[in-house]
Amino acid sequence: MASLCEGGNEPPRSLKAIALQEDFCEFNSRQTEKIILFISAITSRILPVLLYGCETWTLTLREELRLRVFENKVLRKIFGAKRDEVTGEWRKLHNTELHALYSSPNIIRNLKSRRLRWAGHVARMGESRNAYRVLVGRPEGKRPLGRPRRRWEDNIKMDLREVGCDDRDWINLAQDRDRWRAYVRAAMNLRVP
């Protein structure tokens, strides 16, 4: 792994998080191997458990913030503290430094992309399928007093607006697989603050 910093001919051991090799040169080879191991644990074990069923979640901004905080905590544990070059003191990494080191899409972009992919899948289902009936159906009875709670469909519309699609009828838009796939990919590449 020393070749990451010295520029040797050995290719880096496969991980997309090591795409920006210059950022890892401040770590020695033992730290780099440890970081690669922990990042692979995040992508293969922690994220799938954390995001299980996220396609059907209705997230508020507060819940999105909590997910971001969790992701930053995990990344700070992995990358550790950094010595300030001017004062020589140890300090925590800032969020921008964390995201520069960890080049994979953040958890919110991943979640929005999965949600849009599932929405397109459900929108293309036949009318006899239960998931489609739940999507287009209207519940009976009175609604409770107060502001309506955020619905899953509202999240889909917000995600599409962030991607740049202002089409009101997203169910018909999802029938074109290629165009919908482009929106899903755009959601993965969004710059979420």
C-alpha atoms as a PDB file:
ATOM      1  CA  MET A   1       0.000   0.000   0.000  1.00  0.00           C
ATOM      2  CA  ALA A   2       2.994   2.278   0.180  1.00  0.00           C
ATOM      3  CA  SER A   3       2.725   2.620  -3.577  1.00  0.00           C
ATOM      4  CA  LEU A   4      -0.338   4.809  -3.105  1.00  0.00           C
ATOM      5  CA  CYS A   5       1.848   7.620  -1.805  1.00  0.00           C
ATOM      6  CA  GLU A   6       5.101   6.885  -3.605  1.00  0.00           C
ATOM      7  CA  GLY A   7       3.545   6.509  -7.053  1.00  0.00           C
ATOM      8  CA  GLY A   8       4.790   2.937  -7.642  1.00  0.00           C
ATOM      9  CA  ASN A   9       3.534   0.627 -10.361  1.00  0.00           C
ATOM     10  CA  GLU A  10       1.404  -1.544  -8.073  1.00  0.00           C
ATOM     11  CA  PRO A  11      -2.315  -0.824  -8.677  1.00  0.00           C
ATOM     12  CA  PRO A  12      -4.298   0.083  -5.554  1.00  0.00           C
ATOM     13  CA  ARG A  13      -6.378  -2.665  -4.015  1.00  0.00           C
ATOM     14  CA  SER A  14      -9.846  -2.180  -5.396  1.00  0.00           C
ATOM     15  CA  LEU A  15     -12.048   0.269  -3.565  1.00  0.00           C
ATOM     16  CA  LYS A  16     -13.856   3.166  -5.117  1.00  0.00           C
ATOM     17  CA  ALA A  17     -13.165   5.223  -1.998  1.00  0.00           C
ATOM     18  CA  ILE A  18      -9.456   5.332  -2.917  1.00  0.00           C
ATOM     19  CA  ALA A  19     -10.074   7.077  -6.235  1.00  0.00           C
ATOM     20  CA  LEU A  20      -8.459  10.247  -4.902  1.00  0.00           C
ATOM     21  CA  GLN A  21      -5.072   8.759  -4.054  1.00  0.00           C
ATOM     22  CA  GLU A  22      -3.395  12.068  -3.208  1.00  0.00           C
ATOM     23  CA  ASP A  23      -5.681  12.512  -0.205  1.00  0.00           C
ATOM     24  CA  PHE A  24      -4.381   9.328   1.389  1.00  0.00           C
ATOM     25  CA  CYS A  25      -0.705  10.308   1.197  1.00  0.00           C
ATOM     26  CA  GLU A  26      -0.873  11.929   4.626  1.00  0.00           C
ATOM     27  CA  PHE A  27      -1.478   8.478   6.124  1.00  0.00           C
ATOM     28  CA  ASN A  28       1.212   5.820   6.436  1.00  0.00           C
ATOM     29  CA  SER A  29       0.738   2.394   4.853  1.00  0.00           C
ATOM     30  CA  ARG A  30      -0.588   0.751   8.039  1.00  0.00           C
ATOM     31  CA  GLN A  31      -3.175   3.516   8.497  1.00  0.00           C
ATOM     32  CA  THR A  32      -4.153   3.269   4.827  1.00  0.00           C
ATOM     33  CA  GLU A  33      -4.746  -0.481   5.087  1.00  0.00           C
ATOM     34  CA  LYS A  34      -6.833   0.070   8.220  1.00  0.00           C
ATOM     35  CA  ILE A  35      -8.864   2.794   6.482  1.00  0.00           C
ATOM     36  CA  ILE A  36      -9.467   0.559   3.448  1.00  0.00           C
ATOM     37  CA  LEU A  37     -10.637  -2.241   5.740  1.00  0.00           C
ATOM     38  CA  PHE A  38     -13.041   0.009   7.640  1.00  0.00           C
ATOM     39  CA  ILE A  39     -14.431   1.620   4.471  1.00  0.00           C
ATOM     40  CA  SER A  40     -15.091  -1.803   2.988  1.00  0.00           C
ATOM     41  CA  ALA A  41     -16.879  -2.720   6.235  1.00  0.00           C
ATOM     42  CA  ILE A  42     -19.042   0.388   5.914  1.00  0.00           C
ATOM     43  CA  THR A  43     -20.013  -0.279   2.315  1.00  0.00           C
ATOM     44  CA  SER A  44     -20.612  -3.989   2.727  1.00  0.00           C
ATOM     45  CA  ARG A  45     -22.068  -4.276   6.234  1.00  0.00           C
ATOM     46  CA  ILE A  46     -23.179  -1.031   7.849  1.00  0.00           C
ATOM     47  CA  LEU A  47     -24.867   0.775   4.939  1.00  0.00           C
ATOM     48  CA  PRO A  48     -26.999  -2.185   3.805  1.00  0.00           C
ATOM     49  CA  VAL A  49     -28.295  -2.672   7.346  1.00  0.00           C
ATOM     50  CA  LEU A  50     -28.842   1.044   7.887  1.00  0.00           C
ATOM     51  CA  LEU A  51     -30.602   1.580   4.554  1.00  0.00           C
ATOM     52  CA  TYR A  52     -32.691  -1.590   4.593  1.00  0.00           C
ATOM     53  CA  GLY A  53     -36.148  -0.644   3.344  1.00  0.00           C
ATOM     54  CA  CYS A  54     -35.213   3.012   2.786  1.00  0.00           C
ATOM     55  CA  GLU A  55     -37.101   2.956  -0.521  1.00  0.00           C
ATOM     56  CA  THR A  56     -40.368   3.234   1.404  1.00  0.00           C
ATOM     57  CA  TRP A  57     -39.332   5.713   4.095  1.00  0.00           C
ATOM     58  CA  THR A  58     -40.894   9.158   4.339  1.00  0.00           C
ATOM     59  CA  LEU A  59     -38.044  11.263   5.651  1.00  0.00           C
ATOM     60  CA  THR A  60     -38.273  14.653   7.269  1.00  0.00           C
ATOM     61  CA  LEU A  61     -35.352  17.071   7.174  1.00  0.00           C
ATOM     62  CA  ARG A  62     -34.626  16.278  10.822  1.00  0.00           C
ATOM     63  CA  GLU A  63     -34.278  12.568  10.044  1.00  0.00           C
ATOM     64  CA  GLU A  64     -32.015  13.333   7.071  1.00  0.00           C
ATOM     65  CA  LEU A  65     -29.821  15.402   9.369  1.00  0.00           C
ATOM     66  CA  ARG A  66     -29.609  12.531  11.861  1.00  0.00           C
ATOM     67  CA  LEU A  67     -28.491  10.157   9.101  1.00  0.00           C
ATOM     68  CA  ARG A  68     -25.811  12.636   7.990  1.00  0.00           C
ATOM     69  CA  VAL A  69     -24.601  13.041  11.566  1.00  0.00           C
ATOM     70  CA  PHE A  70     -24.326   9.265  11.928  1.00  0.00           C
ATOM     71  CA  GLU A  71     -22.351   8.983   8.698  1.00  0.00           C
ATOM     72  CA  ASN A  72     -19.971  11.772   9.751  1.00  0.00           C
ATOM     73  CA  LYS A  73     -19.453  10.156  13.166  1.00  0.00           C
ATOM     74  CA  VAL A  74     -18.501   6.858  11.567  1.00  0.00           C
ATOM     75  CA  LEU A  75     -16.139   8.568   9.127  1.00  0.00           C
ATOM     76  CA  ARG A  76     -14.487  10.561  11.931  1.00  0.00           C
ATOM     77  CA  LYS A  77     -13.880   7.326  13.833  1.00  0.00           C
ATOM     78  CA  ILE A  78     -12.258   5.800  10.755  1.00  0.00           C
ATOM     79  CA  PHE A  79     -10.065   8.706   9.653  1.00  0.00           C
ATOM     80  CA  GLY A  80      -9.205   9.906  13.156  1.00  0.00           C
ATOM     81  CA  ALA A  81      -7.868  13.302  14.121  1.00  0.00           C
ATOM     82  CA  LYS A  82      -5.589  15.506  12.036  1.00  0.00           C
ATOM     83  CA  ARG A  83      -2.589  17.502  13.196  1.00  0.00           C
ATOM     84  CA  ASP A  84      -2.924  21.173  12.356  1.00  0.00           C
ATOM     85  CA  GLU A  85       0.131  22.304  10.385  1.00  0.00           C
ATOM     86  CA  VAL A  86       0.203  25.801  11.891  1.00  0.00           C
ATOM     87  CA  THR A  87      -0.376  25.164  15.599  1.00  0.00           C
ATOM     88  CA  GLY A  88       0.707  21.523  15.778  1.00  0.00           C
ATOM     89  CA  GLU A  89      -2.411  20.580  17.747  1.00  0.00           C
ATOM     90  CA  TRP A  90      -4.693  17.675  16.997  1.00  0.00           C
ATOM     91  CA  ARG A  91      -8.194  18.511  15.786  1.00  0.00           C
ATOM     92  CA  LYS A  92     -11.257  16.781  14.380  1.00  0.00           C
ATOM     93  CA  LEU A  93     -11.649  16.656  10.622  1.00  0.00           C
ATOM     94  CA  HIS A  94     -14.168  19.095   9.182  1.00  0.00           C
ATOM     95  CA  ASN A  95     -17.097  17.755   7.167  1.00  0.00           C
ATOM     96  CA  THR A  96     -15.602  18.970   3.883  1.00  0.00           C
ATOM     97  CA  GLU A  97     -12.309  17.193   4.660  1.00  0.00           C
ATOM     98  CA  LEU A  98     -14.207  14.002   5.508  1.00  0.00           C
ATOM     99  CA  HIS A  99     -16.126  14.046   2.254  1.00  0.00           C
ATOM    100  CA  ALA A 100     -12.938  14.741   0.288  1.00  0.00           C
ATOM    101  CA  LEU A 101     -11.326  11.645   1.807  1.00  0.00           C
ATOM    102  CA  TYR A 102     -14.423   9.453   1.449  1.00  0.00           C
ATOM    103  CA  SER A 103     -15.278   9.833  -2.203  1.00  0.00           C
ATOM    104  CA  SER A 104     -18.368   7.605  -2.245  1.00  0.00           C
ATOM    105  CA  PRO A 105     -21.805   9.254  -2.453  1.00  0.00           C
ATOM    106  CA  ASN A 106     -23.156  10.280   0.915  1.00  0.00           C
ATOM    107  CA  ILE A 107     -25.975   8.435   2.601  1.00  0.00           C
ATOM    108  CA  ILE A 108     -28.708  10.902   1.612  1.00  0.00           C
ATOM    109  CA  ARG A 109     -27.836  10.749  -2.091  1.00  0.00           C
ATOM    110  CA  ASN A 110     -27.810   6.960  -1.880  1.00  0.00           C
ATOM    111  CA  LEU A 111     -31.199   6.962  -0.165  1.00  0.00           C
ATOM    112  CA  LYS A 112     -32.803   9.336  -2.692  1.00  0.00           C
ATOM    113  CA  SER A 113     -31.491   7.333  -5.602  1.00  0.00           C
ATOM    114  CA  ARG A 114     -32.879   4.096  -4.152  1.00  0.00           C
ATOM    115  CA  ARG A 115     -36.224   5.741  -3.444  1.00  0.00           C
ATOM    116  CA  LEU A 116     -36.524   7.032  -7.023  1.00  0.00           C
ATOM    117  CA  ARG A 117     -35.545   3.642  -8.443  1.00  0.00           C
ATOM    118  CA  TRP A 118     -38.253   1.926  -6.372  1.00  0.00           C
ATOM    119  CA  ALA A 119     -40.830   4.589  -7.296  1.00  0.00           C
ATOM    120  CA  GLY A 120     -40.195   3.968 -10.985  1.00  0.00           C
ATOM    121  CA  HIS A 121     -40.528   0.247 -10.458  1.00  0.00           C
ATOM    122  CA  VAL A 122     -43.866   0.605  -8.655  1.00  0.00           C
ATOM    123  CA  ALA A 123     -45.176   3.126 -11.194  1.00  0.00           C
ATOM    124  CA  ARG A 124     -44.525   0.636 -14.005  1.00  0.00           C
ATOM    125  CA  MET A 125     -46.347  -2.217 -12.224  1.00  0.00           C
ATOM    126  CA  GLY A 126     -49.696  -3.393 -13.518  1.00  0.00           C
ATOM    127  CA  GLU A 127     -52.961  -2.234 -11.988  1.00  0.00           C
ATOM    128  CA  SER A 128     -53.561  -5.658 -10.468  1.00  0.00           C
ATOM    129  CA  ARG A 129     -50.469  -5.450  -8.221  1.00  0.00           C
ATOM    130  CA  ASN A 130     -51.018  -4.414  -4.586  1.00  0.00           C
ATOM    131  CA  ALA A 131     -48.070  -2.009  -4.468  1.00  0.00           C
ATOM    132  CA  TYR A 132     -49.468  -0.058  -7.416  1.00  0.00           C
ATOM    133  CA  ARG A 133     -52.947   0.003  -5.885  1.00  0.00           C
ATOM    134  CA  VAL A 134     -51.527   1.449  -2.667  1.00  0.00           C
ATOM    135  CA  LEU A 135     -49.628   4.073  -4.683  1.00  0.00           C
ATOM    136  CA  VAL A 136     -52.610   5.375  -6.677  1.00  0.00           C
ATOM    137  CA  GLY A 137     -55.352   4.591  -4.146  1.00  0.00           C
ATOM    138  CA  ARG A 138     -56.973   7.131  -1.864  1.00  0.00           C
ATOM    139  CA  PRO A 139     -57.778   6.217   1.739  1.00  0.00           C
ATOM    140  CA  GLU A 140     -61.323   6.508   2.983  1.00  0.00           C
ATOM    141  CA  GLY A 141     -62.410   8.385   6.068  1.00  0.00           C
ATOM    142  CA  LYS A 142     -61.611  11.724   7.652  1.00  0.00           C
ATOM    143  CA  ARG A 143     -58.141  13.126   7.925  1.00  0.00           C
ATOM    144  CA  PRO A 144     -56.844  14.233  11.322  1.00  0.00           C
ATOM    145  CA  LEU A 145     -56.707  17.910  12.234  1.00  0.00           C
ATOM    146  CA  GLY A 146     -53.589  19.939  11.605  1.00  0.00           C
ATOM    147  CA  ARG A 147     -50.983  20.013   8.917  1.00  0.00           C
ATOM    148  CA  PRO A 148     -50.893  16.877   6.773  1.00  0.00           C
ATOM    149  CA  ARG A 149     -47.945  14.589   7.408  1.00  0.00           C
ATOM    150  CA  ARG A 150     -45.366  14.233   4.675  1.00  0.00           C
ATOM    151  CA  ARG A 151     -46.278  11.422   2.319  1.00  0.00           C
ATOM    152  CA  TRP A 152     -43.959   9.130   0.384  1.00  0.00           C
ATOM    153  CA  GLU A 153     -45.205  10.625  -2.865  1.00  0.00           C
ATOM    154  CA  ASP A 154     -44.295  14.104  -1.582  1.00  0.00           C
ATOM    155  CA  ASN A 155     -40.725  12.891  -1.038  1.00  0.00           C
ATOM    156  CA  ILE A 156     -40.607  11.545  -4.590  1.00  0.00           C
ATOM    157  CA  LYS A 157     -41.798  14.893  -5.979  1.00  0.00           C
ATOM    158  CA  MET A 158     -39.209  16.758  -3.890  1.00  0.00           C
ATOM    159  CA  ASP A 159     -36.435  14.413  -5.081  1.00  0.00           C
ATOM    160  CA  LEU A 160     -37.453  14.971  -8.697  1.00  0.00           C
ATOM    161  CA  ARG A 161     -37.506  18.746  -8.196  1.00  0.00           C
ATOM    162  CA  GLU A 162     -33.948  18.591  -6.815  1.00  0.00           C
ATOM    163  CA  VAL A 163     -32.857  16.680  -9.911  1.00  0.00           C
ATOM    164  CA  GLY A 164     -34.425  19.308 -12.157  1.00  0.00           C
ATOM    165  CA  CYS A 165     -37.654  17.614 -13.209  1.00  0.00           C
ATOM    166  CA  ASP A 166     -40.733  19.769 -12.664  1.00  0.00           C
ATOM    167  CA  ASP A 167     -43.129  17.305 -14.296  1.00  0.00           C
ATOM    168  CA  ARG A 168     -46.285  17.024 -12.165  1.00  0.00           C
ATOM    169  CA  ASP A 169     -47.253  13.542 -13.349  1.00  0.00           C
ATOM    170  CA  TRP A 170     -44.229  11.503 -12.314  1.00  0.00           C
ATOM    171  CA  ILE A 171     -46.066   8.178 -12.737  1.00  0.00           C
ATOM    172  CA  ASN A 172     -46.343   8.728 -16.504  1.00  0.00           C
ATOM    173  CA  LEU A 173     -42.766  10.004 -16.571  1.00  0.00           C
ATOM    174  CA  ALA A 174     -41.563   6.743 -14.987  1.00  0.00           C
ATOM    175  CA  GLN A 175     -42.971   4.733 -17.897  1.00  0.00           C
ATOM    176  CA  ASP A 176     -39.967   5.840 -19.993  1.00  0.00           C
ATOM    177  CA  ARG A 177     -37.254   3.682 -18.404  1.00  0.00           C
ATOM    178  CA  ASP A 178     -34.255   5.423 -19.971  1.00  0.00           C
ATOM    179  CA  ARG A 179     -35.367   8.898 -18.961  1.00  0.00           C
ATOM    180  CA  TRP A 180     -36.255   7.691 -15.434  1.00  0.00           C
ATOM    181  CA  ARG A 181     -32.887   5.947 -15.101  1.00  0.00           C
ATOM    182  CA  ALA A 182     -31.200   9.256 -15.940  1.00  0.00           C
ATOM    183  CA  TYR A 183     -33.099  10.915 -13.075  1.00  0.00           C
ATOM    184  CA  VAL A 184     -32.068   8.120 -10.700  1.00  0.00           C
ATOM    185  CA  ARG A 185     -28.413   8.566 -11.685  1.00  0.00           C
ATOM    186  CA  ALA A 186     -28.721  12.337 -11.302  1.00  0.00           C
ATOM    187  CA  ALA A 187     -30.082  11.848  -7.779  1.00  0.00           C
ATOM    188  CA  MET A 188     -26.989   9.792  -6.916  1.00  0.00           C
ATOM    189  CA  ASN A 189     -24.703  12.567  -8.195  1.00  0.00           C
ATOM    190  CA  LEU A 190     -26.499  15.448  -6.448  1.00  0.00           C
ATOM    191  CA  ARG A 191     -24.510  17.788  -4.265  1.00  0.00           C
ATOM    192  CA  VAL A 192     -26.461  17.494  -1.025  1.00  0.00           C
ATOM    193  CA  PRO A 193     -25.215  19.967   1.610  1.00  0.00           C
END
